[in-house]
């Protein structure tokens, strides 16, 4: 029963380190979110901006 309880930061660090490997998760979006998290810039506005960039990029492919 000597299990260490992870802190919230440890859980988030682990999640964003592995987000790209999750099933059914868009790799480009996952990498963008992980990058924002690691830069300390994971805000509502920045997430919206990243999503819009990806949408625009994908719209230009078609």
PDB file of N, CA and C in Angstrom:
ATOM      1  N   UNK A   1       0.816  -1.194   0.000  1.00  0.00           N
ATOM      2  CA  UNK A   1       0.000   0.000   0.000  1.00  0.00           C
ATOM      3  C   UNK A   1       0.862   1.261   0.000  1.00  0.00           C
ATOM      4  N   UNK A   2       2.039   1.161  -0.533  1.00  0.00           N
ATOM      5  CA  UNK A   2       2.939   2.309  -0.597  1.00  0.00           C
ATOM      6  C   UNK A   2       2.875   2.981  -1.957  1.00  0.00           C
ATOM      7  N   UNK A   3       1.715   2.993  -2.568  1.00  0.00           N
ATOM      8  CA  UNK A   3       1.572   3.615  -3.875  1.00  0.00           C
ATOM      9  C   UNK A   3       1.618   5.130  -3.738  1.00  0.00           C
ATOM     10  N   UNK A   4       2.397   5.741  -4.620  1.00  0.00           N
ATOM     11  CA  UNK A   4       2.493   7.192  -4.627  1.00  0.00           C
ATOM     12  C   UNK A   4       1.317   7.758  -5.424  1.00  0.00           C
ATOM     13  N   UNK A   5       0.676   8.747  -4.875  1.00  0.00           N
ATOM     14  CA  UNK A   5      -0.427   9.407  -5.550  1.00  0.00           C
ATOM     15  C   UNK A   5       0.170  10.484  -6.447  1.00  0.00           C
ATOM     16  N   UNK A   6      -0.213  10.453  -7.730  1.00  0.00           N
ATOM     17  CA  UNK A   6       0.303  11.431  -8.681  1.00  0.00           C
ATOM     18  C   UNK A   6      -0.376  12.776  -8.465  1.00  0.00           C
ATOM     19  N   UNK A   7       0.406  13.818  -8.671  1.00  0.00           N
ATOM     20  CA  UNK A   7      -0.158  15.161  -8.598  1.00  0.00           C
ATOM     21  C   UNK A   7      -0.907  15.455  -9.893  1.00  0.00           C
ATOM     22  N   UNK A   8      -1.710  16.489  -9.888  1.00  0.00           N
ATOM     23  CA  UNK A   8      -2.419  16.900 -11.092  1.00  0.00           C
ATOM     24  C   UNK A   8      -1.457  17.208 -12.226  1.00  0.00           C
ATOM     25  N   UNK A   9      -0.347  17.870 -11.916  1.00  0.00           N
ATOM     26  CA  UNK A   9       0.654  18.206 -12.928  1.00  0.00           C
ATOM     27  C   UNK A   9       1.268  16.949 -13.518  1.00  0.00           C
ATOM     28  N   UNK A  10       1.557  15.970 -12.687  1.00  0.00           N
ATOM     29  CA  UNK A  10       2.121  14.711 -13.180  1.00  0.00           C
ATOM     30  C   UNK A  10       1.147  13.998 -14.113  1.00  0.00           C
ATOM     31  N   UNK A  11      -0.118  14.020 -13.758  1.00  0.00           N
ATOM     32  CA  UNK A  11      -1.139  13.385 -14.598  1.00  0.00           C
ATOM     33  C   UNK A  11      -1.232  14.100 -15.940  1.00  0.00           C
ATOM     34  N   UNK A  12      -1.255  15.434 -15.917  1.00  0.00           N
ATOM     35  CA  UNK A  12      -1.318  16.199 -17.160  1.00  0.00           C
ATOM     36  C   UNK A  12      -0.061  16.023 -18.006  1.00  0.00           C
ATOM     37  N   UNK A  13       1.094  16.018 -17.367  1.00  0.00           N
ATOM     38  CA  UNK A  13       2.354  15.796 -18.101  1.00  0.00           C
ATOM     39  C   UNK A  13       2.317  14.461 -18.831  1.00  0.00           C
ATOM     40  N   UNK A  14       1.871  13.442 -18.141  1.00  0.00           N
ATOM     41  CA  UNK A  14       1.790  12.100 -18.721  1.00  0.00           C
ATOM     42  C   UNK A  14       0.762  12.054 -19.855  1.00  0.00           C
ATOM     43  N   UNK A  15      -0.390  12.687 -19.639  1.00  0.00           N
ATOM     44  CA  UNK A  15      -1.438  12.705 -20.659  1.00  0.00           C
ATOM     45  C   UNK A  15      -0.945  13.375 -21.939  1.00  0.00           C
ATOM     46  N   UNK A  16      -0.370  14.560 -21.812  1.00  0.00           N
ATOM     47  CA  UNK A  16       0.066  15.280 -23.005  1.00  0.00           C
ATOM     48  C   UNK A  16       1.303  14.659 -23.641  1.00  0.00           C
ATOM     49  N   UNK A  17       2.070  13.912 -22.889  1.00  0.00           N
ATOM     50  CA  UNK A  17       3.211  13.195 -23.470  1.00  0.00           C
ATOM     51  C   UNK A  17       2.733  12.039 -24.348  1.00  0.00           C
ATOM     52  N   UNK A  18       1.541  11.513 -24.045  1.00  0.00           N
ATOM     53  CA  UNK A  18       1.027  10.341 -24.757  1.00  0.00           C
ATOM     54  C   UNK A  18      -0.209  10.615 -25.605  1.00  0.00           C
ATOM     55  N   UNK A  19      -0.630  11.857 -25.704  1.00  0.00           N
ATOM     56  CA  UNK A  19      -1.883  12.167 -26.398  1.00  0.00           C
ATOM     57  C   UNK A  19      -1.858  11.741 -27.864  1.00  0.00           C
ATOM     58  N   UNK A  20      -0.718  11.835 -28.509  1.00  0.00           N
ATOM     59  CA  UNK A  20      -0.633  11.474 -29.936  1.00  0.00           C
ATOM     60  C   UNK A  20      -0.829   9.985 -30.182  1.00  0.00           C
ATOM     61  N   UNK A  21      -0.608   9.190 -29.177  1.00  0.00           N
ATOM     62  CA  UNK A  21      -0.719   7.742 -29.350  1.00  0.00           C
ATOM     63  C   UNK A  21      -2.114   7.196 -29.018  1.00  0.00           C
ATOM     64  N   UNK A  22      -3.026   8.063 -28.604  1.00  0.00           N
ATOM     65  CA  UNK A  22      -4.383   7.618 -28.296  1.00  0.00           C
ATOM     66  C   UNK A  22      -5.143   7.302 -29.576  1.00  0.00           C
ATOM     67  N   UNK A  23      -5.967   6.265 -29.515  1.00  0.00           N
ATOM     68  CA  UNK A  23      -6.783   5.877 -30.667  1.00  0.00           C
ATOM     69  C   UNK A  23      -7.797   6.967 -30.987  1.00  0.00           C
ATOM     70  N   UNK A  24      -8.071   7.123 -32.263  1.00  0.00           N
ATOM     71  CA  UNK A  24      -9.104   8.027 -32.767  1.00  0.00           C
ATOM     72  C   UNK A  24      -8.845   9.492 -32.417  1.00  0.00           C
ATOM     73  N   UNK A  25      -7.600   9.841 -32.157  1.00  0.00           N
ATOM     74  CA  UNK A  25      -7.240  11.225 -31.887  1.00  0.00           C
ATOM     75  C   UNK A  25      -6.443  11.735 -33.080  1.00  0.00           C
ATOM     76  N   UNK A  26      -6.869  12.865 -33.632  1.00  0.00           N
ATOM     77  CA  UNK A  26      -6.166  13.465 -34.756  1.00  0.00           C
ATOM     78  C   UNK A  26      -4.745  13.819 -34.318  1.00  0.00           C
ATOM     79  N   UNK A  27      -3.768  13.285 -35.031  1.00  0.00           N
ATOM     80  CA  UNK A  27      -2.360  13.449 -34.637  1.00  0.00           C
ATOM     81  C   UNK A  27      -1.927  14.909 -34.673  1.00  0.00           C
ATOM     82  N   UNK A  28      -2.333  15.634 -35.714  1.00  0.00           N
ATOM     83  CA  UNK A  28      -1.931  17.032 -35.835  1.00  0.00           C
ATOM     84  C   UNK A  28      -2.500  17.865 -34.685  1.00  0.00           C
ATOM     85  N   UNK A  29      -3.769  17.649 -34.366  1.00  0.00           N
ATOM     86  CA  UNK A  29      -4.382  18.370 -33.258  1.00  0.00           C
ATOM     87  C   UNK A  29      -3.736  17.984 -31.928  1.00  0.00           C
ATOM     88  N   UNK A  30      -3.476  16.699 -31.747  1.00  0.00           N
ATOM     89  CA  UNK A  30      -2.849  16.231 -30.509  1.00  0.00           C
ATOM     90  C   UNK A  30      -1.484  16.864 -30.317  1.00  0.00           C
ATOM     91  N   UNK A  31      -0.702  16.924 -31.382  1.00  0.00           N
ATOM     92  CA  UNK A  31       0.633  17.529 -31.296  1.00  0.00           C
ATOM     93  C   UNK A  31       0.542  19.020 -31.002  1.00  0.00           C
ATOM     94  N   UNK A  32      -0.449  19.690 -31.586  1.00  0.00           N
ATOM     95  CA  UNK A  32      -0.642  21.116 -31.318  1.00  0.00           C
ATOM     96  C   UNK A  32      -1.015  21.356 -29.862  1.00  0.00           C
ATOM     97  N   UNK A  33      -1.933  20.546 -29.340  1.00  0.00           N
ATOM     98  CA  UNK A  33      -2.335  20.694 -27.944  1.00  0.00           C
ATOM     99  C   UNK A  33      -1.184  20.398 -26.992  1.00  0.00           C
ATOM    100  N   UNK A  34      -0.428  19.356 -27.290  1.00  0.00           N
ATOM    101  CA  UNK A  34       0.714  19.009 -26.447  1.00  0.00           C
ATOM    102  C   UNK A  34       1.745  20.136 -26.457  1.00  0.00           C
ATOM    103  N   UNK A  35       1.962  20.710 -27.626  1.00  0.00           N
ATOM    104  CA  UNK A  35       2.911  21.814 -27.735  1.00  0.00           C
ATOM    105  C   UNK A  35       2.453  23.016 -26.910  1.00  0.00           C
ATOM    106  N   UNK A  36       1.185  23.366 -27.024  1.00  0.00           N
ATOM    107  CA  UNK A  36       0.652  24.475 -26.220  1.00  0.00           C
ATOM    108  C   UNK A  36       0.799  24.195 -24.728  1.00  0.00           C
ATOM    109  N   UNK A  37       0.514  22.961 -24.335  1.00  0.00           N
ATOM    110  CA  UNK A  37       0.630  22.598 -22.919  1.00  0.00           C
ATOM    111  C   UNK A  37       2.063  22.760 -22.427  1.00  0.00           C
ATOM    112  N   UNK A  38       3.003  22.238 -23.187  1.00  0.00           N
ATOM    113  CA  UNK A  38       4.412  22.283 -22.775  1.00  0.00           C
ATOM    114  C   UNK A  38       4.980  23.701 -22.786  1.00  0.00           C
ATOM    115  N   UNK A  39       4.397  24.574 -23.597  1.00  0.00           N
ATOM    116  CA  UNK A  39       4.812  25.975 -23.627  1.00  0.00           C
ATOM    117  C   UNK A  39       4.127  26.799 -22.538  1.00  0.00           C
ATOM    118  N   UNK A  40       3.180  26.180 -21.845  1.00  0.00           N
ATOM    119  CA  UNK A  40       2.421  26.896 -20.822  1.00  0.00           C
ATOM    120  C   UNK A  40       1.390  27.835 -21.425  1.00  0.00           C
ATOM    121  N   UNK A  41       0.950  27.533 -22.651  1.00  0.00           N
ATOM    122  CA  UNK A  41       0.023  28.405 -23.367  1.00  0.00           C
ATOM    123  C   UNK A  41      -1.291  27.700 -23.709  1.00  0.00           C
ATOM    124  N   UNK A  42      -1.685  26.735 -22.920  1.00  0.00           N
ATOM    125  CA  UNK A  42      -2.916  25.981 -23.181  1.00  0.00           C
ATOM    126  C   UNK A  42      -4.098  26.787 -22.637  1.00  0.00           C
ATOM    127  N   UNK A  43      -4.551  27.738 -23.452  1.00  0.00           N
ATOM    128  CA  UNK A  43      -5.690  28.573 -23.079  1.00  0.00           C
ATOM    129  C   UNK A  43      -6.807  28.365 -24.091  1.00  0.00           C
ATOM    130  N   UNK A  44      -7.985  28.781 -23.729  1.00  0.00           N
ATOM    131  CA  UNK A  44      -9.144  28.669 -24.602  1.00  0.00           C
ATOM    132  C   UNK A  44      -8.871  29.342 -25.951  1.00  0.00           C
ATOM    133  N   UNK A  45      -8.352  30.541 -25.914  1.00  0.00           N
ATOM    134  CA  UNK A  45      -8.082  31.296 -27.140  1.00  0.00           C
ATOM    135  C   UNK A  45      -7.037  30.606 -28.007  1.00  0.00           C
ATOM    136  N   UNK A  46      -5.950  30.139 -27.399  1.00  0.00           N
ATOM    137  CA  UNK A  46      -4.898  29.481 -28.178  1.00  0.00           C
ATOM    138  C   UNK A  46      -5.373  28.164 -28.782  1.00  0.00           C
ATOM    139  N   UNK A  47      -6.199  27.427 -28.047  1.00  0.00           N
ATOM    140  CA  UNK A  47      -6.745  26.170 -28.575  1.00  0.00           C
ATOM    141  C   UNK A  47      -7.650  26.470 -29.776  1.00  0.00           C
ATOM    142  N   UNK A  48      -8.509  27.471 -29.641  1.00  0.00           N
ATOM    143  CA  UNK A  48      -9.376  27.859 -30.756  1.00  0.00           C
ATOM    144  C   UNK A  48      -8.558  28.263 -31.976  1.00  0.00           C
ATOM    145  N   UNK A  49      -7.498  29.032 -31.747  1.00  0.00           N
ATOM    146  CA  UNK A  49      -6.638  29.466 -32.854  1.00  0.00           C
ATOM    147  C   UNK A  49      -5.962  28.283 -33.538  1.00  0.00           C
ATOM    148  N   UNK A  50      -5.491  27.320 -32.776  1.00  0.00           N
ATOM    149  CA  UNK A  50      -4.846  26.136 -33.346  1.00  0.00           C
ATOM    150  C   UNK A  50      -5.840  25.312 -34.164  1.00  0.00           C
ATOM    151  N   UNK A  51      -7.038  25.164 -33.647  1.00  0.00           N
ATOM    152  CA  UNK A  51      -8.066  24.418 -34.371  1.00  0.00           C
ATOM    153  C   UNK A  51      -8.387  25.117 -35.692  1.00  0.00           C
ATOM    154  N   UNK A  52      -8.482  26.437 -35.643  1.00  0.00           N
ATOM    155  CA  UNK A  52      -8.777  27.186 -36.865  1.00  0.00           C
ATOM    156  C   UNK A  52      -7.643  27.052 -37.885  1.00  0.00           C
ATOM    157  N   UNK A  53      -6.396  27.077 -37.423  1.00  0.00           N
ATOM    158  CA  UNK A  53      -5.249  26.899 -38.321  1.00  0.00           C
ATOM    159  C   UNK A  53      -5.316  25.539 -39.015  1.00  0.00           C
ATOM    160  N   UNK A  54      -5.634  24.517 -38.245  1.00  0.00           N
ATOM    161  CA  UNK A  54      -5.725  23.161 -38.807  1.00  0.00           C
ATOM    162  C   UNK A  54      -6.870  23.075 -39.810  1.00  0.00           C
ATOM    163  N   UNK A  55      -8.009  23.667 -39.472  1.00  0.00           N
ATOM    164  CA  UNK A  55      -9.150  23.680 -40.393  1.00  0.00           C
ATOM    165  C   UNK A  55      -8.789  24.385 -41.698  1.00  0.00           C
ATOM    166  N   UNK A  56      -8.158  25.561 -41.575  1.00  0.00           N
ATOM    167  CA  UNK A  56      -7.763  26.312 -42.767  1.00  0.00           C
ATOM    168  C   UNK A  56      -6.773  25.522 -43.617  1.00  0.00           C
ATOM    169  N   UNK A  57      -5.829  24.894 -42.965  1.00  0.00           N
ATOM    170  CA  UNK A  57      -4.821  24.099 -43.670  1.00  0.00           C
ATOM    171  C   UNK A  57      -5.496  22.941 -44.407  1.00  0.00           C
ATOM    172  N   UNK A  58      -6.418  22.259 -43.745  1.00  0.00           N
ATOM    173  CA  UNK A  58      -7.109  21.124 -44.363  1.00  0.00           C
ATOM    174  C   UNK A  58      -8.065  21.575 -45.462  1.00  0.00           C
ATOM    175  N   UNK A  59      -8.648  22.746 -45.320  1.00  0.00           N
ATOM    176  CA  UNK A  59      -9.542  23.271 -46.362  1.00  0.00           C
ATOM    177  C   UNK A  59      -8.752  23.596 -47.631  1.00  0.00           C
ATOM    178  N   UNK A  60      -7.518  24.043 -47.454  1.00  0.00           N
ATOM    179  CA  UNK A  60      -6.678  24.369 -48.598  1.00  0.00           C
ATOM    180  C   UNK A  60      -6.193  23.129 -49.337  1.00  0.00           C
ATOM    181  N   UNK A  61      -6.195  21.988 -48.671  1.00  0.00           N
ATOM    182  CA  UNK A  61      -5.782  20.742 -49.313  1.00  0.00           C
ATOM    183  C   UNK A  61      -6.817  20.278 -50.323  1.00  0.00           C
ATOM    184  N   UNK A  62      -8.086  20.609 -50.073  1.00  0.00           N
ATOM    185  CA  UNK A  62      -9.185  20.157 -50.947  1.00  0.00           C
ATOM    186  C   UNK A  62      -9.348  21.078 -52.063  1.00  0.00           C
TER     187      UNK A  62
END
